[in-house]
Amino acid sequence: MGHSNHECEDCKKKSENKKRCNGCACDQLRKLQTLTEVDVFLSGGIVLEDVVFVSFDNNNCCAFFNDSPEGEPGSVIVVDCQFIQAIRFEAP
């Protein structure tokens, strides 16, 4: 019995490691200050211009952006950070 529990722990650790959000964009989002205005370039050529970074969930790789700058109510856009090819930070 003890051995099978150990195997389950190993499986759990492996699945947790697979969930880790890898890549340059994911790393940048981990450090990005909330309410920063950015342009996001997605794989496939789609560009999200002038979106405001809201938060990043490292458990599922979701980055949350608001498409209305200046704190106005707007749509929330959820993006998997692993599909972001580039992030442009607006000049201050």
N, C-alpha and C. Protein backbone atom coordinates (compact mmCIF):
# COMPACT_ATOMS: atom_id res chain seq x y z
N MET A 1 0.82 -1.19 0.00
CA MET A 1 0.00 0.00 0.00
C MET A 1 0.86 1.25 0.00
N GLY A 2 1.90 1.29 0.83
CA GLY A 2 2.74 2.46 0.92
C GLY A 2 3.36 2.81 -0.43
N HIS A 3 3.71 1.77 -1.19
CA HIS A 3 4.34 2.00 -2.49
C HIS A 3 3.36 2.67 -3.46
N SER A 4 2.12 2.23 -3.48
CA SER A 4 1.15 2.81 -4.41
C SER A 4 0.86 4.27 -4.04
N ASN A 5 0.86 4.61 -2.75
CA ASN A 5 0.68 6.00 -2.35
C ASN A 5 1.83 6.85 -2.85
N HIS A 6 3.04 6.28 -2.78
CA HIS A 6 4.22 7.01 -3.27
C HIS A 6 4.09 7.27 -4.77
N GLU A 7 3.59 6.30 -5.52
CA GLU A 7 3.41 6.48 -6.96
C GLU A 7 2.40 7.58 -7.23
N CYS A 8 1.33 7.63 -6.44
CA CYS A 8 0.32 8.67 -6.63
C CYS A 8 0.93 10.05 -6.39
N GLU A 9 1.78 10.17 -5.38
CA GLU A 9 2.45 11.44 -5.12
C GLU A 9 3.32 11.83 -6.30
N ASP A 10 4.04 10.86 -6.88
CA ASP A 10 4.87 11.14 -8.04
C ASP A 10 4.03 11.63 -9.21
N CYS A 11 2.89 10.99 -9.43
CA CYS A 11 1.99 11.40 -10.52
C CYS A 11 1.48 12.80 -10.29
N LYS A 12 1.14 13.09 -9.05
CA LYS A 12 0.63 14.43 -8.72
C LYS A 12 1.69 15.49 -9.00
N LYS A 13 2.94 15.21 -8.61
CA LYS A 13 4.02 16.16 -8.84
C LYS A 13 4.25 16.37 -10.33
N LYS A 14 4.19 15.29 -11.12
CA LYS A 14 4.39 15.40 -12.56
C LYS A 14 3.28 16.23 -13.20
N SER A 15 2.03 16.01 -12.77
CA SER A 15 0.94 16.77 -13.36
C SER A 15 1.02 18.24 -12.96
N GLU A 16 1.49 18.53 -11.74
CA GLU A 16 1.66 19.92 -11.33
C GLU A 16 2.73 20.60 -12.17
N ASN A 17 3.81 19.87 -12.47
CA ASN A 17 4.89 20.44 -13.28
C ASN A 17 4.40 20.74 -14.69
N LYS A 18 3.51 19.91 -15.23
CA LYS A 18 2.98 20.13 -16.57
C LYS A 18 2.15 21.40 -16.63
N LYS A 19 1.54 21.77 -15.52
CA LYS A 19 0.70 22.96 -15.48
C LYS A 19 1.53 24.24 -15.44
N ARG A 20 2.81 24.11 -15.16
CA ARG A 20 3.64 25.31 -15.05
C ARG A 20 3.61 26.06 -16.36
N CYS A 21 3.42 27.34 -16.26
CA CYS A 21 3.32 28.20 -17.44
C CYS A 21 4.72 28.60 -17.88
N ASN A 22 5.14 28.08 -19.01
CA ASN A 22 6.49 28.32 -19.50
C ASN A 22 6.49 29.37 -20.60
N GLY A 23 7.62 29.98 -20.79
CA GLY A 23 7.80 30.91 -21.90
C GLY A 23 8.07 32.32 -21.43
N CYS A 24 8.62 33.07 -22.33
CA CYS A 24 9.02 34.45 -22.06
C CYS A 24 7.81 35.30 -21.66
N ALA A 25 6.72 35.21 -22.41
CA ALA A 25 5.54 36.04 -22.11
C ALA A 25 4.98 35.71 -20.74
N CYS A 26 4.90 34.42 -20.40
CA CYS A 26 4.39 34.02 -19.09
C CYS A 26 5.27 34.59 -17.98
N ASP A 27 6.58 34.54 -18.19
CA ASP A 27 7.51 35.08 -17.20
C ASP A 27 7.31 36.59 -17.02
N GLN A 28 7.11 37.30 -18.12
CA GLN A 28 6.89 38.75 -18.05
C GLN A 28 5.59 39.07 -17.30
N LEU A 29 4.54 38.29 -17.55
CA LEU A 29 3.25 38.54 -16.91
C LEU A 29 3.31 38.29 -15.41
N ARG A 30 4.13 37.34 -14.99
CA ARG A 30 4.29 37.08 -13.55
C ARG A 30 4.79 38.32 -12.83
N LYS A 31 5.64 39.10 -13.51
CA LYS A 31 6.29 40.26 -12.90
C LYS A 31 5.57 41.57 -13.20
N LEU A 32 4.64 41.55 -14.14
CA LEU A 32 4.02 42.78 -14.62
C LEU A 32 3.11 43.39 -13.56
N GLN A 33 3.24 44.68 -13.37
CA GLN A 33 2.41 45.40 -12.40
C GLN A 33 0.99 45.52 -12.96
N THR A 34 -0.01 45.30 -12.10
CA THR A 34 -1.39 45.42 -12.54
C THR A 34 -1.66 46.85 -13.01
N LEU A 35 -2.63 46.97 -13.88
CA LEU A 35 -3.06 48.24 -14.48
C LEU A 35 -2.04 48.83 -15.45
N THR A 36 -1.09 48.00 -15.91
CA THR A 36 -0.14 48.43 -16.93
C THR A 36 -0.79 48.28 -18.30
N GLU A 37 -0.69 49.32 -19.12
CA GLU A 37 -1.25 49.26 -20.47
C GLU A 37 -0.22 48.63 -21.41
N VAL A 38 -0.67 47.65 -22.20
CA VAL A 38 0.21 46.92 -23.10
C VAL A 38 -0.50 46.63 -24.42
N ASP A 39 0.29 46.22 -25.41
CA ASP A 39 -0.23 45.61 -26.63
C ASP A 39 0.22 44.16 -26.58
N VAL A 40 -0.70 43.25 -26.88
CA VAL A 40 -0.41 41.82 -26.81
C VAL A 40 -0.50 41.23 -28.22
N PHE A 41 0.56 40.56 -28.64
CA PHE A 41 0.63 39.94 -29.96
C PHE A 41 0.46 38.43 -29.78
N LEU A 42 -0.65 37.90 -30.29
CA LEU A 42 -0.96 36.48 -30.13
C LEU A 42 -0.48 35.68 -31.33
N SER A 43 -0.22 34.39 -31.10
CA SER A 43 0.10 33.51 -32.21
C SER A 43 -1.11 33.51 -33.13
N GLY A 44 -0.87 33.53 -34.43
CA GLY A 44 -1.96 33.61 -35.39
C GLY A 44 -2.14 35.02 -35.93
N GLY A 45 -1.37 35.97 -35.40
CA GLY A 45 -1.37 37.31 -35.95
C GLY A 45 -2.35 38.28 -35.32
N ILE A 46 -3.11 37.87 -34.34
CA ILE A 46 -4.06 38.77 -33.68
C ILE A 46 -3.30 39.68 -32.72
N VAL A 47 -3.66 40.97 -32.72
CA VAL A 47 -3.04 41.93 -31.82
C VAL A 47 -4.12 42.55 -30.95
N LEU A 48 -3.91 42.52 -29.65
CA LEU A 48 -4.79 43.20 -28.70
C LEU A 48 -4.10 44.50 -28.34
N GLU A 49 -4.62 45.62 -28.87
CA GLU A 49 -3.97 46.91 -28.66
C GLU A 49 -4.57 47.65 -27.48
N ASP A 50 -3.70 48.31 -26.75
CA ASP A 50 -4.10 49.19 -25.64
C ASP A 50 -4.99 48.49 -24.62
N VAL A 51 -4.59 47.27 -24.23
CA VAL A 51 -5.32 46.57 -23.17
C VAL A 51 -4.60 46.80 -21.85
N VAL A 52 -5.35 46.69 -20.77
CA VAL A 52 -4.81 46.94 -19.44
C VAL A 52 -4.69 45.60 -18.71
N PHE A 53 -3.47 45.31 -18.24
CA PHE A 53 -3.22 44.06 -17.52
C PHE A 53 -3.93 44.09 -16.17
N VAL A 54 -4.72 43.04 -15.90
CA VAL A 54 -5.47 42.95 -14.65
C VAL A 54 -4.81 41.96 -13.69
N SER A 55 -4.57 40.71 -14.17
CA SER A 55 -3.97 39.71 -13.30
C SER A 55 -3.47 38.53 -14.12
N PHE A 56 -2.72 37.66 -13.44
CA PHE A 56 -2.17 36.45 -14.05
C PHE A 56 -2.35 35.29 -13.09
N ASP A 57 -2.89 34.18 -13.58
CA ASP A 57 -3.09 32.98 -12.77
C ASP A 57 -2.07 31.93 -13.18
N ASN A 58 -1.06 31.72 -12.36
CA ASN A 58 0.01 30.79 -12.69
C ASN A 58 -0.47 29.34 -12.67
N ASN A 59 -1.62 29.06 -12.06
CA ASN A 59 -2.13 27.69 -12.01
C ASN A 59 -2.68 27.22 -13.35
N ASN A 60 -3.27 28.14 -14.12
CA ASN A 60 -3.85 27.73 -15.40
C ASN A 60 -3.32 28.54 -16.58
N CYS A 61 -2.35 29.39 -16.36
CA CYS A 61 -1.67 30.19 -17.39
C CYS A 61 -2.55 31.29 -17.99
N CYS A 62 -3.65 31.63 -17.34
CA CYS A 62 -4.55 32.65 -17.86
C CYS A 62 -4.09 34.05 -17.45
N ALA A 63 -4.02 34.91 -18.44
CA ALA A 63 -3.74 36.33 -18.20
C ALA A 63 -5.04 37.08 -18.47
N PHE A 64 -5.37 38.01 -17.59
CA PHE A 64 -6.61 38.77 -17.69
C PHE A 64 -6.29 40.21 -18.05
N PHE A 65 -6.98 40.71 -19.08
CA PHE A 65 -6.79 42.08 -19.54
C PHE A 65 -8.16 42.75 -19.65
N ASN A 66 -8.17 44.07 -19.46
CA ASN A 66 -9.37 44.87 -19.67
C ASN A 66 -9.15 45.65 -20.95
N ASP A 67 -10.15 45.70 -21.81
CA ASP A 67 -9.96 46.39 -23.09
C ASP A 67 -10.35 47.86 -23.04
N SER A 68 -10.62 48.37 -21.86
CA SER A 68 -10.96 49.79 -21.70
C SER A 68 -9.95 50.47 -20.80
N PRO A 69 -9.04 51.26 -21.37
CA PRO A 69 -8.10 51.98 -20.52
C PRO A 69 -8.80 53.04 -19.69
N GLU A 70 -8.07 53.66 -18.82
CA GLU A 70 -8.57 54.74 -17.98
C GLU A 70 -9.58 54.27 -16.94
N GLY A 71 -9.63 52.97 -16.65
CA GLY A 71 -10.49 52.45 -15.60
C GLY A 71 -11.97 52.44 -15.94
N GLU A 72 -12.32 52.71 -17.19
CA GLU A 72 -13.72 52.65 -17.60
C GLU A 72 -14.17 51.19 -17.65
N PRO A 73 -15.48 50.95 -17.45
CA PRO A 73 -15.95 49.57 -17.57
C PRO A 73 -15.75 49.08 -19.00
N GLY A 74 -15.33 47.87 -19.13
CA GLY A 74 -15.11 47.29 -20.46
C GLY A 74 -15.13 45.80 -20.38
N SER A 75 -14.78 45.17 -21.47
CA SER A 75 -14.74 43.72 -21.52
C SER A 75 -13.46 43.20 -20.89
N VAL A 76 -13.55 42.03 -20.30
CA VAL A 76 -12.36 41.35 -19.79
C VAL A 76 -11.95 40.32 -20.84
N ILE A 77 -10.69 40.32 -21.19
CA ILE A 77 -10.15 39.38 -22.17
C ILE A 77 -9.24 38.43 -21.41
N VAL A 78 -9.47 37.13 -21.59
CA VAL A 78 -8.66 36.10 -20.95
C VAL A 78 -7.83 35.42 -22.02
N VAL A 79 -6.50 35.39 -21.80
CA VAL A 79 -5.57 34.84 -22.78
C VAL A 79 -4.67 33.82 -22.11
N ASP A 80 -4.43 32.70 -22.77
CA ASP A 80 -3.44 31.72 -22.29
C ASP A 80 -2.07 32.29 -22.62
N CYS A 81 -1.25 32.54 -21.62
CA CYS A 81 0.04 33.20 -21.83
C CYS A 81 0.95 32.41 -22.78
N GLN A 82 0.70 31.14 -22.92
CA GLN A 82 1.56 30.32 -23.77
C GLN A 82 1.31 30.59 -25.26
N PHE A 83 0.24 31.35 -25.57
CA PHE A 83 -0.06 31.71 -26.95
C PHE A 83 0.27 33.17 -27.26
N ILE A 84 0.96 33.82 -26.33
CA ILE A 84 1.40 35.20 -26.56
C ILE A 84 2.81 35.16 -27.14
N GLN A 85 2.98 35.79 -28.30
CA GLN A 85 4.29 35.82 -28.93
C GLN A 85 5.11 37.03 -28.50
N ALA A 86 4.42 38.14 -28.20
CA ALA A 86 5.14 39.35 -27.81
C ALA A 86 4.22 40.25 -26.99
N ILE A 87 4.84 41.07 -26.16
CA ILE A 87 4.12 42.08 -25.37
C ILE A 87 4.85 43.40 -25.57
N ARG A 88 4.10 44.44 -25.96
CA ARG A 88 4.69 45.78 -26.09
C ARG A 88 4.23 46.60 -24.89
N PHE A 89 5.19 47.13 -24.17
CA PHE A 89 4.90 47.98 -23.02
C PHE A 89 4.85 49.42 -23.50
N GLU A 90 3.76 50.10 -23.18
CA GLU A 90 3.60 51.49 -23.60
C GLU A 90 4.65 52.37 -22.94
N ALA A 91 5.13 53.35 -23.68
CA ALA A 91 6.10 54.30 -23.13
C ALA A 91 5.41 55.15 -22.06
N PRO A 92 6.10 55.44 -20.96
CA PRO A 92 5.48 56.24 -19.90
C PRO A 92 5.20 57.67 -20.33
